[in-house]
């Protein structure tokens, strides 16, 4: 809010009611006009409307347009390289180094930029397991991003808890502040920089809410493995009887949110989890789901959240007269999103924890080449290999610069942009936990069949659900399997509710020779990609990969 506006805002009288004793001056933020501390959703709505940040639409959600920042700026993320991180960070494409001096200079300019301005503060936690949770402070210049933090993280429950809150890590998000590549050492005016030594993350020049969410996840991916906890980019659910849990790994757009939202199972979390010696826990307190072409028939639970008070919709098209949404319109971006508290989902496990190890681990891959079977069973060694490989396709809109056609890619641990240690660190922890708890691992293709993108068709969600249900309930294990000729994993011969031909992908192709040519080409891609990680892996890991024809 401009320092020149003299009108009293709606929440101004209550701005400091939930103030922490550990103030923002500890972050070098001084001479501010006002700090709005831990406002509830209702007050943030009033500020949101008062400041003209967006619109209220049918059912009560906030709707914002984030402009050109409609997805993560993956190429603008940096990690400060200093003594603490020098030998523990996986430096490279996803963890670009930047000096402590450049970080300090940018922070100083952001601190000066905020003098005389107003900010919103939300004090929250990342991690439902109290033994491993992280106290996180999110400082923003927009009311809606403060609501975003409330949705996505875990909130304190008492006024005393707010008063005594001391952050372990702080995020300062200023969309209107532009970095200077010459002065700051960044690639553009947008910068996402994490400093583990200072326990501080800066987000400049991007309005996309996902930058806040993923910055905190990146921090947890660095800290949790140091405590013996496997941090995971996955959704998770829990059987109603409490017998078993299941993990769903995958990049955005591969079906994590949709497939884990099963009315017959309790949802633990949507996107980020930790696996301890005693069970699993959700890192977040909310969901951040894609809503483009969302269907009330196929995804009723997620669809219902798009018409609720407290939800934030990003870049969704709506009618300005009726305020009704058009979830099919992608004129702004394919990556339309909604952020909502996890308890908006019926049947959610409210404590965010499961005191059992997962019985089933599902690696979701969106195979745009259309050659992989819809489901395959992996050995622990194969699971390690495929987890490091992270084969999938990036779906349009999830990152800046992606077109309409899915882009075949390998994303280590099914979340390489957020992994701070070498992928083998996470993969080896996964293998060890699988072997200890006798967890089964499945590679699930939610992509194409009958041909590649543009020729074949997307695998039916009904078939995918039938296969998943059979895997989770142990029915697939009772049946017959065939060994795949190239990859060596086991493919079920039959599954109730799924045509036999679907389980033999070459039978869905008109040209069998073209199928095998493309399948062999995919095997070659796997082999070539794994060379990137070979130096950080023990000898023999690559042996669990595919063979060429």
Protein backbone atom coordinates (compact mmCIF):
# COMPACT_ATOMS: atom_id res chain seq x y z
CA UNK A 1 0.00 0.00 0.00
CA UNK A 2 1.45 3.35 -1.03
CA UNK A 3 3.02 5.39 1.72
CA UNK A 4 1.16 8.43 0.39
CA UNK A 5 -2.33 7.05 1.05
CA UNK A 6 -3.72 8.56 4.25
CA UNK A 7 -7.03 6.68 4.43
CA UNK A 8 -7.32 4.24 7.36
CA UNK A 9 -7.50 0.65 6.16
CA UNK A 10 -10.14 -1.78 7.54
CA UNK A 11 -7.73 -3.85 9.67
CA UNK A 12 -5.59 -0.98 10.92
CA UNK A 13 -7.08 -0.91 14.47
CA UNK A 14 -6.31 -4.64 14.93
CA UNK A 15 -2.99 -4.67 13.06
CA UNK A 16 -0.89 -5.46 16.15
CA UNK A 17 -3.31 -7.59 18.18
CA UNK A 18 -1.46 -10.81 17.27
CA UNK A 19 2.01 -9.27 17.16
CA UNK A 20 4.99 -11.43 18.11
CA UNK A 21 7.51 -10.14 20.64
CA UNK A 22 10.18 -11.07 18.10
CA UNK A 23 9.52 -8.17 15.73
CA UNK A 24 10.37 -7.44 12.11
CA UNK A 25 13.22 -5.18 13.20
CA UNK A 26 15.11 -8.44 13.79
CA UNK A 27 14.97 -8.88 9.99
CA UNK A 28 16.32 -5.38 9.40
CA UNK A 29 12.89 -3.97 8.52
CA UNK A 30 12.74 -0.55 10.15
CA UNK A 31 10.80 2.68 9.73
CA UNK A 32 7.80 0.81 8.31
CA UNK A 33 4.50 2.62 8.15
CA UNK A 34 2.62 -0.35 9.60
CA UNK A 35 2.84 -4.11 10.12
CA UNK A 36 -0.32 -6.23 9.95
CA UNK A 37 0.37 -9.18 12.22
CA UNK A 38 -1.24 -12.59 11.64
CA UNK A 39 -4.57 -11.28 10.37
CA UNK A 40 -7.32 -13.91 10.02
CA UNK A 41 -8.91 -14.60 6.66
CA UNK A 42 -11.84 -12.24 7.21
CA UNK A 43 -9.57 -9.25 7.89
CA UNK A 44 -7.31 -10.15 4.98
CA UNK A 45 -10.37 -10.20 2.71
CA UNK A 46 -11.20 -6.65 3.76
CA UNK A 47 -7.63 -5.52 3.09
CA UNK A 48 -7.60 -7.41 -0.22
CA UNK A 49 -10.69 -5.54 -1.44
CA UNK A 50 -9.60 -2.22 0.04
CA UNK A 51 -6.27 -2.38 -1.79
CA UNK A 52 -7.77 -3.50 -5.09
CA UNK A 53 -5.58 -6.60 -5.28
CA UNK A 54 -8.20 -8.68 -7.08
CA UNK A 55 -11.84 -9.75 -7.09
CA UNK A 56 -14.25 -11.79 -4.97
CA UNK A 57 -15.95 -14.41 -7.15
CA UNK A 58 -18.88 -16.80 -6.93
CA UNK A 59 -18.88 -18.71 -3.65
CA UNK A 60 -16.39 -16.38 -1.94
CA UNK A 61 -12.82 -17.09 -3.19
CA UNK A 62 -10.25 -14.37 -3.74
CA UNK A 63 -9.22 -14.21 -7.40
CA UNK A 64 -5.94 -12.62 -8.45
CA UNK A 65 -4.07 -12.17 -11.70
CA UNK A 66 -0.33 -12.59 -11.26
CA UNK A 67 0.53 -11.07 -14.65
CA UNK A 68 3.54 -12.51 -16.43
CA UNK A 69 4.45 -14.51 -13.30
CA UNK A 70 1.93 -17.28 -13.95
CA UNK A 71 4.36 -20.08 -13.05
CA UNK A 72 7.62 -20.69 -11.25
CA UNK A 73 10.64 -18.76 -12.54
CA UNK A 74 12.83 -21.88 -12.35
CA UNK A 75 15.84 -20.21 -13.95
CA UNK A 76 15.85 -17.37 -11.41
CA UNK A 77 16.37 -19.46 -8.27
CA UNK A 78 19.67 -19.19 -6.37
CA UNK A 79 21.26 -20.58 -3.20
CA UNK A 80 23.87 -18.60 -1.29
CA UNK A 81 27.19 -20.40 -1.44
CA UNK A 82 29.02 -20.14 1.88
CA UNK A 83 30.74 -22.33 4.48
CA UNK A 84 27.57 -24.17 5.57
CA UNK A 85 26.44 -25.10 2.06
CA UNK A 86 29.73 -25.42 0.18
CA UNK A 87 30.00 -29.21 0.42
CA UNK A 88 26.39 -30.23 1.01
CA UNK A 89 24.42 -28.57 -1.81
CA UNK A 90 23.95 -30.19 -5.23
CA UNK A 91 25.22 -27.20 -7.21
CA UNK A 92 24.09 -26.81 -10.80
CA UNK A 93 21.01 -26.04 -12.84
CA UNK A 94 18.57 -26.01 -9.93
CA UNK A 95 20.84 -24.68 -7.20
CA UNK A 96 22.69 -21.82 -8.84
CA UNK A 97 25.29 -20.33 -6.51
CA UNK A 98 25.31 -16.69 -5.52
CA UNK A 99 27.68 -14.97 -3.13
CA UNK A 100 26.90 -13.82 0.39
CA UNK A 101 27.89 -10.31 -0.68
CA UNK A 102 25.33 -10.20 -3.50
CA UNK A 103 22.64 -11.54 -1.16
CA UNK A 104 23.46 -8.92 1.49
CA UNK A 105 23.34 -6.16 -1.09
CA UNK A 106 19.93 -7.26 -2.40
CA UNK A 107 18.56 -7.64 1.13
CA UNK A 108 19.72 -4.12 2.02
CA UNK A 109 17.99 -2.66 -1.01
CA UNK A 110 14.77 -4.55 -0.20
CA UNK A 111 14.90 -3.31 3.39
CA UNK A 112 15.32 0.26 2.17
CA UNK A 113 12.51 -0.23 -0.34
CA UNK A 114 10.07 -1.08 2.46
CA UNK A 115 10.74 2.01 4.56
CA UNK A 116 7.50 3.94 4.92
CA UNK A 117 5.49 1.02 3.51
CA UNK A 118 3.06 -1.51 4.99
CA UNK A 119 3.66 -5.25 5.21
CA UNK A 120 1.71 -8.34 6.26
CA UNK A 121 3.25 -10.98 8.50
CA UNK A 122 2.09 -14.57 8.98
CA UNK A 123 3.80 -16.74 11.58
CA UNK A 124 3.25 -20.41 10.77
CA UNK A 125 4.85 -23.86 10.83
CA UNK A 126 6.06 -26.27 8.15
CA UNK A 127 5.68 -29.89 9.27
CA UNK A 128 2.88 -31.53 11.25
CA UNK A 129 5.31 -33.71 13.19
CA UNK A 130 6.31 -31.54 16.15
CA UNK A 131 9.71 -33.23 16.37
CA UNK A 132 10.63 -31.92 12.93
CA UNK A 133 8.46 -28.86 12.29
CA UNK A 134 10.01 -25.56 11.23
CA UNK A 135 8.76 -22.19 12.49
CA UNK A 136 8.35 -20.04 9.37
CA UNK A 137 7.65 -16.32 9.11
CA UNK A 138 6.27 -15.05 5.79
CA UNK A 139 6.47 -11.28 5.19
CA UNK A 140 4.57 -9.98 2.17
CA UNK A 141 3.40 -6.69 0.72
CA UNK A 142 0.06 -8.11 -0.48
CA UNK A 143 -2.88 -9.21 1.67
CA UNK A 144 -3.67 -12.13 -0.65
CA UNK A 145 -0.16 -13.57 -0.33
CA UNK A 146 -0.56 -13.40 3.47
CA UNK A 147 -3.76 -15.42 3.06
CA UNK A 148 -1.81 -17.79 0.78
CA UNK A 149 0.67 -18.41 3.61
CA UNK A 150 -2.23 -19.08 6.01
CA UNK A 151 -3.69 -21.59 3.58
CA UNK A 152 -0.50 -23.43 2.77
CA UNK A 153 1.19 -23.64 6.17
CA UNK A 154 0.16 -24.70 9.68
CA UNK A 155 -1.15 -21.93 11.91
CA UNK A 156 -0.55 -21.40 15.65
CA UNK A 157 -3.65 -22.00 17.75
CA UNK A 158 -3.45 -19.44 20.58
CA UNK A 159 -2.67 -15.77 21.06
CA UNK A 160 0.17 -16.72 23.41
CA UNK A 161 1.68 -18.94 20.72
CA UNK A 162 1.65 -16.00 18.32
CA UNK A 163 3.18 -13.68 20.93
CA UNK A 164 6.10 -15.98 21.71
CA UNK A 165 6.71 -17.06 18.11
CA UNK A 166 10.35 -16.98 16.99
CA UNK A 167 10.98 -18.01 13.36
CA UNK A 168 13.51 -20.65 12.37
CA UNK A 169 13.31 -19.39 8.79
CA UNK A 170 11.89 -16.22 7.21
CA UNK A 171 10.57 -15.52 3.71
CA UNK A 172 10.33 -11.94 2.44
CA UNK A 173 8.21 -11.73 -0.74
CA UNK A 174 8.07 -8.41 -2.61
CA UNK A 175 6.50 -8.79 -6.07
CA UNK A 176 6.80 -5.08 -6.85
CA UNK A 177 10.54 -4.98 -6.12
CA UNK A 178 12.70 -5.55 -9.19
CA UNK A 179 16.17 -7.02 -8.89
CA UNK A 180 18.96 -5.47 -10.96
CA UNK A 181 20.99 -8.16 -12.75
CA UNK A 182 24.06 -5.93 -12.97
CA UNK A 183 24.00 -4.96 -9.29
CA UNK A 184 22.54 -8.15 -7.79
CA UNK A 185 24.14 -10.83 -9.94
CA UNK A 186 20.74 -12.24 -10.96
CA UNK A 187 19.60 -13.35 -14.41
CA UNK A 188 16.63 -10.98 -14.56
CA UNK A 189 14.48 -8.65 -12.49
CA UNK A 190 13.04 -11.75 -10.81
CA UNK A 191 15.04 -13.51 -8.09
CA UNK A 192 14.36 -16.28 -5.60
CA UNK A 193 17.36 -16.58 -3.28
CA UNK A 194 17.73 -18.88 -0.27
CA UNK A 195 20.39 -18.26 2.37
CA UNK A 196 20.68 -21.24 4.72
CA UNK A 197 23.27 -19.59 6.93
CA UNK A 198 21.07 -16.53 7.51
CA UNK A 199 17.87 -18.64 7.58
CA UNK A 200 16.30 -16.23 5.12
CA UNK A 201 14.71 -16.45 1.65
CA UNK A 202 14.08 -13.47 -0.64
CA UNK A 203 11.51 -13.42 -3.43
CA UNK A 204 11.69 -10.39 -5.71
CA UNK A 205 9.83 -9.53 -8.88
CA UNK A 206 7.29 -12.39 -8.93
CA UNK A 207 3.66 -12.44 -7.83
CA UNK A 208 3.23 -16.20 -8.29
CA UNK A 209 2.18 -17.72 -4.96
CA UNK A 210 3.97 -20.97 -5.75
CA UNK A 211 7.33 -19.27 -5.22
CA UNK A 212 6.54 -18.91 -1.50
CA UNK A 213 5.37 -22.50 -1.22
CA UNK A 214 8.32 -24.02 -3.07
CA UNK A 215 10.93 -21.87 -1.33
CA UNK A 216 9.81 -23.31 2.00
CA UNK A 217 9.78 -26.83 0.55
CA UNK A 218 13.33 -26.33 -0.75
CA UNK A 219 14.39 -25.35 2.77
CA UNK A 220 12.80 -28.50 4.21
CA UNK A 221 14.50 -30.61 1.54
CA UNK A 222 17.82 -29.34 2.82
CA UNK A 223 17.14 -29.62 6.56
CA UNK A 224 15.13 -32.85 6.95
CA UNK A 225 17.64 -35.35 5.44
CA UNK A 226 20.24 -33.97 7.86
CA UNK A 227 17.89 -35.22 10.62
CA UNK A 228 17.41 -38.66 9.07
CA UNK A 229 14.02 -37.77 7.55
CA UNK A 230 13.29 -38.36 3.86
CA UNK A 231 11.67 -35.23 2.44
CA UNK A 232 9.44 -36.01 -0.52
CA UNK A 233 7.61 -34.22 -3.33
CA UNK A 234 4.53 -36.40 -3.12
CA UNK A 235 0.93 -36.61 -2.00
CA UNK A 236 -0.12 -39.21 0.57
CA UNK A 237 -3.25 -40.94 1.77
CA UNK A 238 -4.23 -43.43 4.45
CA UNK A 239 -6.65 -46.36 4.51
CA UNK A 240 -9.81 -45.87 6.54
CA UNK A 241 -8.89 -48.86 8.68
CA UNK A 242 -5.47 -47.33 9.43
CA UNK A 243 -3.62 -50.36 8.10
CA UNK A 244 -1.49 -48.69 5.46
CA UNK A 245 -0.45 -45.47 3.79
CA UNK A 246 0.44 -44.73 0.17
CA UNK A 247 2.73 -42.14 -1.42
CA UNK A 248 2.17 -40.57 -4.85
CA UNK A 249 5.30 -39.01 -6.40
CA UNK A 250 5.09 -36.89 -9.52
CA UNK A 251 5.58 -33.48 -11.08
CA UNK A 252 2.76 -30.98 -11.36
CA UNK A 253 0.12 -32.18 -13.80
CA UNK A 254 0.84 -35.91 -13.46
CA UNK A 255 -2.08 -36.62 -11.13
CA UNK A 256 -0.74 -36.45 -7.54
CA UNK A 257 -3.59 -34.33 -6.25
CA UNK A 258 -6.35 -36.03 -8.24
CA UNK A 259 -5.32 -39.63 -7.58
CA UNK A 260 -4.58 -39.20 -3.88
CA UNK A 261 -7.98 -37.56 -3.30
CA UNK A 262 -9.74 -40.93 -3.00
CA UNK A 263 -13.08 -40.88 -1.13
CA UNK A 264 -12.31 -44.38 0.21
CA UNK A 265 -9.08 -43.22 1.87
CA UNK A 266 -8.08 -40.36 4.15
CA UNK A 267 -5.94 -37.67 2.56
CA UNK A 268 -2.81 -36.90 4.59
CA UNK A 269 -1.46 -34.23 2.28
CA UNK A 270 -1.35 -32.93 -1.24
CA UNK A 271 2.24 -32.29 -2.21
CA UNK A 272 5.03 -32.39 0.40
CA UNK A 273 5.82 -34.98 3.08
CA UNK A 274 8.48 -36.32 5.38
CA UNK A 275 9.14 -40.03 6.15
CA UNK A 276 10.56 -40.64 9.62
CA UNK A 277 11.46 -43.85 11.46
CA UNK A 278 7.91 -44.02 12.85
CA UNK A 279 5.73 -42.87 9.95
CA UNK A 280 5.01 -40.02 7.55
CA UNK A 281 3.83 -36.46 8.02
CA UNK A 282 2.54 -33.64 5.86
CA UNK A 283 4.80 -30.62 5.62
CA UNK A 284 1.95 -28.30 4.64
CA UNK A 285 -1.44 -27.26 5.92
CA UNK A 286 -3.07 -26.73 2.54
CA UNK A 287 -3.31 -27.68 -1.13
CA UNK A 288 -2.19 -25.83 -4.26
CA UNK A 289 -4.01 -27.57 -7.10
CA UNK A 290 -4.16 -26.99 -10.85
CA UNK A 291 -7.72 -26.15 -11.86
CA UNK A 292 -7.58 -25.84 -15.64
CA UNK A 293 -10.52 -27.82 -17.06
CA UNK A 294 -11.34 -29.11 -13.58
CA UNK A 295 -14.33 -31.43 -13.70
CA UNK A 296 -16.99 -31.73 -10.97
CA UNK A 297 -17.59 -35.29 -12.19
CA UNK A 298 -13.98 -36.51 -12.13
CA UNK A 299 -12.56 -34.30 -9.33
CA UNK A 300 -15.51 -33.26 -7.18
CA UNK A 301 -13.50 -32.62 -4.00
CA UNK A 302 -11.07 -30.19 -5.63
CA UNK A 303 -13.80 -28.59 -7.74
CA UNK A 304 -15.83 -27.78 -4.62
CA UNK A 305 -12.94 -25.75 -3.18
CA UNK A 306 -13.07 -23.32 -6.12
CA UNK A 307 -16.35 -21.96 -4.72
CA UNK A 308 -15.44 -21.50 -1.06
CA UNK A 309 -14.51 -18.55 1.12
CA UNK A 310 -10.80 -18.62 1.94
CA UNK A 311 -9.70 -20.17 -1.35
CA UNK A 312 -7.32 -18.17 -3.53
CA UNK A 313 -7.64 -18.56 -7.30
CA UNK A 314 -4.71 -17.54 -9.47
CA UNK A 315 -5.23 -16.45 -13.10
CA UNK A 316 -8.63 -18.11 -13.46
CA UNK A 317 -11.03 -16.47 -15.94
CA UNK A 318 -14.38 -15.24 -14.58
CA UNK A 319 -17.42 -13.29 -15.74
CA UNK A 320 -17.25 -9.82 -14.20
CA UNK A 321 -21.05 -9.49 -14.03
CA UNK A 322 -22.10 -12.88 -12.62
CA UNK A 323 -18.72 -13.55 -10.94
CA UNK A 324 -18.92 -17.16 -12.14
CA UNK A 325 -15.73 -19.00 -13.07
CA UNK A 326 -14.75 -20.44 -16.42
CA UNK A 327 -12.25 -23.12 -15.48
CA UNK A 328 -11.90 -24.22 -19.12
CA UNK A 329 -10.52 -20.88 -20.33
CA UNK A 330 -6.71 -20.89 -20.56
CA UNK A 331 -6.31 -17.40 -22.05
CA UNK A 332 -4.22 -16.30 -19.04
CA UNK A 333 -2.26 -19.52 -18.57
CA UNK A 334 -2.62 -23.30 -18.58
CA UNK A 335 -1.33 -23.15 -15.01
CA UNK A 336 -4.44 -21.80 -13.30
CA UNK A 337 -4.28 -22.61 -9.59
CA UNK A 338 -6.25 -22.64 -6.38
CA UNK A 339 -4.87 -22.53 -2.84
CA UNK A 340 -7.07 -23.77 -0.01
CA UNK A 341 -6.76 -25.16 3.52
CA UNK A 342 -6.44 -28.92 3.67
CA UNK A 343 -9.53 -29.26 5.86
CA UNK A 344 -11.65 -28.11 2.90
CA UNK A 345 -11.22 -31.67 1.58
CA UNK A 346 -13.74 -34.15 3.03
CA UNK A 347 -12.17 -37.04 4.91
CA UNK A 348 -8.79 -35.39 5.38
CA UNK A 349 -6.62 -36.70 8.21
CA UNK A 350 -6.63 -33.61 10.39
CA UNK A 351 -3.43 -34.26 12.33
CA UNK A 352 -1.44 -34.53 9.09
CA UNK A 353 0.41 -37.64 10.28
CA UNK A 354 0.30 -41.41 9.83
CA UNK A 355 2.06 -43.62 12.35
CA UNK A 356 2.71 -46.38 9.80
CA UNK A 357 5.19 -46.65 6.96
CA UNK A 358 3.72 -46.54 3.45
CA UNK A 359 2.88 -49.98 2.08
CA UNK A 360 2.80 -48.70 -1.50
CA UNK A 361 4.89 -46.09 -3.30
CA UNK A 362 3.62 -44.86 -6.65
CA UNK A 363 5.92 -43.06 -9.08
CA UNK A 364 3.62 -41.14 -11.42
CA UNK A 365 5.03 -40.47 -14.86
CA UNK A 366 3.23 -38.67 -17.67
CA UNK A 367 4.72 -40.50 -20.65
CA UNK A 368 4.10 -38.23 -23.65
CA UNK A 369 5.73 -40.79 -25.97
CA UNK A 370 2.90 -43.24 -25.23
CA UNK A 371 5.04 -46.37 -24.84
CA UNK A 372 5.20 -47.19 -21.12
CA UNK A 373 2.73 -49.65 -19.57
CA UNK A 374 0.02 -48.06 -17.40
CA UNK A 375 1.49 -49.71 -14.28
CA UNK A 376 4.64 -51.71 -13.49
CA UNK A 377 6.03 -53.22 -10.29
CA UNK A 378 9.61 -52.26 -9.36
CA UNK A 379 12.25 -53.95 -7.23
CA UNK A 380 13.98 -51.74 -4.61
CA UNK A 381 16.97 -51.31 -6.96
CA UNK A 382 14.69 -50.38 -9.85
CA UNK A 383 12.82 -47.99 -7.56
CA UNK A 384 16.11 -46.25 -6.69
CA UNK A 385 17.01 -45.98 -10.38
CA UNK A 386 13.63 -44.65 -11.49
CA UNK A 387 13.42 -42.29 -8.52
CA UNK A 388 16.76 -40.74 -9.44
CA UNK A 389 15.71 -40.62 -13.12
CA UNK A 390 12.32 -39.04 -12.43
CA UNK A 391 11.08 -39.53 -15.99
CA UNK A 392 7.94 -37.60 -16.90
CA UNK A 393 6.65 -34.76 -19.07
CA UNK A 394 6.31 -31.16 -18.00
CA UNK A 395 2.72 -30.10 -18.59
CA UNK A 396 1.99 -26.76 -20.27
CA UNK A 397 2.08 -23.74 -17.98
CA UNK A 398 3.77 -25.21 -14.91
CA UNK A 399 6.98 -23.34 -15.67
CA UNK A 400 7.51 -20.08 -17.56
CA UNK A 401 8.36 -20.78 -21.19
CA UNK A 402 6.53 -24.09 -21.65
CA UNK A 403 4.29 -24.37 -24.71
CA UNK A 404 1.14 -26.40 -25.27
CA UNK A 405 2.90 -29.68 -26.10
CA UNK A 406 4.15 -31.69 -23.09
CA UNK A 407 7.92 -31.57 -22.80
CA UNK A 408 9.60 -34.91 -22.12
CA UNK A 409 11.98 -34.45 -19.22
CA UNK A 410 13.81 -36.14 -16.38
CA UNK A 411 13.33 -34.51 -13.00
CA UNK A 412 15.38 -36.24 -10.32
CA UNK A 413 13.32 -37.46 -7.35
CA UNK A 414 10.25 -36.22 -9.22
CA UNK A 415 11.05 -32.73 -8.00
CA UNK A 416 14.60 -31.78 -9.04
CA UNK A 417 14.03 -27.99 -8.83
CA UNK A 418 13.42 -28.37 -5.08
CA UNK A 419 16.13 -30.91 -4.24
CA UNK A 420 19.15 -29.38 -2.50
CA UNK A 421 21.30 -32.48 -1.89
CA UNK A 422 22.45 -34.87 -4.63
CA UNK A 423 19.51 -37.05 -5.82
CA UNK A 424 21.24 -40.21 -4.57
CA UNK A 425 20.90 -38.93 -0.99
CA UNK A 426 17.11 -38.98 -1.28
CA UNK A 427 16.94 -42.10 -3.47
CA UNK A 428 19.12 -44.18 -1.17
CA UNK A 429 17.01 -43.14 1.83
CA UNK A 430 13.92 -44.23 -0.12
CA UNK A 431 15.42 -47.63 -0.95
CA UNK A 432 16.53 -48.23 2.64
CA UNK A 433 13.09 -47.38 4.00
CA UNK A 434 11.40 -49.55 1.36
CA UNK A 435 13.52 -52.54 2.31
CA UNK A 436 13.08 -51.97 6.05
CA UNK A 437 9.29 -51.74 5.81
CA UNK A 438 8.82 -54.06 2.79
CA UNK A 439 7.06 -51.34 0.84
CA UNK A 440 6.05 -52.09 -2.76
CA UNK A 441 6.89 -49.59 -5.51
CA UNK A 442 4.93 -49.05 -8.71
CA UNK A 443 5.68 -46.99 -11.82
CA UNK A 444 2.36 -45.56 -13.02
CA UNK A 445 1.97 -43.99 -16.46
CA UNK A 446 -0.72 -41.28 -16.43
CA UNK A 447 0.29 -40.06 -19.90
CA UNK A 448 -0.53 -41.31 -23.35
CA UNK A 449 -1.39 -44.65 -24.96
CA UNK A 450 -1.93 -45.71 -28.58
CA UNK A 451 0.69 -43.24 -29.77
CA UNK A 452 2.56 -40.15 -28.62
CA UNK A 453 0.99 -36.79 -27.78
CA UNK A 454 -0.97 -35.59 -30.83
CA UNK A 455 -1.65 -39.11 -32.09
CA UNK A 456 -2.59 -41.27 -29.13
CA UNK A 457 -4.91 -40.38 -26.27
CA UNK A 458 -4.47 -39.79 -22.56
CA UNK A 459 -4.85 -42.96 -20.49
CA UNK A 460 -8.35 -43.09 -19.01
CA UNK A 461 -8.46 -41.92 -15.41
CA UNK A 462 -10.98 -44.72 -14.78
CA UNK A 463 -8.39 -47.31 -15.87
CA UNK A 464 -5.69 -45.63 -13.78
CA UNK A 465 -7.92 -45.62 -10.69
CA UNK A 466 -8.82 -49.29 -11.21
CA UNK A 467 -5.12 -50.20 -11.43
CA UNK A 468 -4.26 -48.11 -8.37
CA UNK A 469 -7.06 -49.61 -6.31
CA UNK A 470 -5.92 -53.11 -7.25
CA UNK A 471 -2.33 -52.24 -6.30
CA UNK A 472 -3.24 -50.60 -2.99
CA UNK A 473 -5.56 -53.43 -2.00
CA UNK A 474 -3.01 -56.11 -2.85
CA UNK A 475 -5.03 -57.61 -5.69
CA UNK A 476 -2.37 -57.06 -8.36
CA UNK A 477 0.19 -58.97 -6.31
CA UNK A 478 -2.03 -62.05 -6.44
CA UNK A 479 -2.09 -62.11 -10.25
CA UNK A 480 0.32 -63.00 -13.02
CA UNK A 481 3.05 -60.64 -14.25
CA UNK A 482 5.18 -60.49 -17.39
CA UNK A 483 8.74 -59.13 -17.48
CA UNK A 484 9.18 -56.08 -19.68
CA UNK A 485 11.66 -56.72 -22.50
CA UNK A 486 13.50 -53.38 -22.23
CA UNK A 487 13.11 -52.13 -18.67
CA UNK A 488 12.94 -55.44 -16.82
CA UNK A 489 10.12 -54.36 -14.50
CA UNK A 490 7.04 -56.54 -14.00
CA UNK A 491 3.77 -55.67 -15.72
CA UNK A 492 0.46 -57.24 -14.60
CA UNK A 493 -1.22 -59.40 -17.19
CA UNK A 494 -4.76 -58.58 -16.08
CA UNK A 495 -6.69 -56.24 -13.78
CA UNK A 496 -10.45 -56.08 -13.13
CA UNK A 497 -12.03 -53.13 -14.91
CA UNK A 498 -9.12 -52.64 -17.31
CA UNK A 499 -9.06 -54.09 -20.88
CA UNK A 500 -6.17 -56.51 -21.34
CA UNK A 501 -4.85 -54.57 -24.35
CA UNK A 502 -4.33 -51.48 -22.19
CA UNK A 503 -1.79 -53.44 -20.15
CA UNK A 504 0.15 -54.27 -23.34
CA UNK A 505 0.78 -50.82 -24.81
CA UNK A 506 2.10 -52.04 -28.17
CA UNK A 507 -1.34 -53.55 -28.82
CA UNK A 508 -2.86 -50.06 -28.67
CA UNK A 509 -0.57 -48.79 -31.45
CA UNK A 510 -1.47 -49.20 -35.13
CA UNK A 511 2.18 -49.45 -36.15
CA UNK A 512 3.99 -51.98 -33.93
CA UNK A 513 7.41 -51.29 -35.50
CA UNK A 514 7.04 -47.59 -34.69
CA UNK A 515 6.11 -48.50 -31.13
CA UNK A 516 9.29 -50.52 -30.58
CA UNK A 517 11.39 -47.84 -32.25
CA UNK A 518 10.04 -45.22 -29.85
CA UNK A 519 10.30 -47.51 -26.84
CA UNK A 520 13.94 -48.21 -27.66
CA UNK A 521 14.45 -44.46 -28.07
CA UNK A 522 13.02 -43.88 -24.60
CA UNK A 523 15.40 -46.49 -23.15
CA UNK A 524 18.28 -44.62 -24.78
CA UNK A 525 17.12 -41.39 -23.16
CA UNK A 526 17.09 -43.06 -19.74
CA UNK A 527 20.62 -44.40 -20.20
CA UNK A 528 21.98 -41.06 -21.37
CA UNK A 529 20.22 -39.09 -18.63
CA UNK A 530 21.54 -41.32 -15.85
CA UNK A 531 25.11 -40.43 -16.81
CA UNK A 532 24.44 -37.04 -15.19
CA UNK A 533 24.16 -38.68 -11.76
CA UNK A 534 26.66 -41.51 -12.10
CA UNK A 535 29.46 -39.69 -10.29
CA UNK A 536 27.31 -39.30 -7.18
CA UNK A 537 26.08 -42.92 -7.17
CA UNK A 538 27.82 -46.18 -6.21
CA UNK A 539 28.81 -48.59 -8.98
CA UNK A 540 25.99 -50.86 -10.07
CA UNK A 541 23.04 -48.48 -9.65
CA UNK A 542 22.77 -48.06 -13.43
CA UNK A 543 22.36 -51.84 -13.78
CA UNK A 544 18.75 -51.48 -12.62
CA UNK A 545 17.99 -49.39 -15.71
CA UNK A 546 16.78 -50.41 -19.18
CA UNK A 547 18.55 -52.27 -21.95
CA UNK A 548 18.50 -51.29 -25.63
CA UNK A 549 16.86 -53.56 -28.19
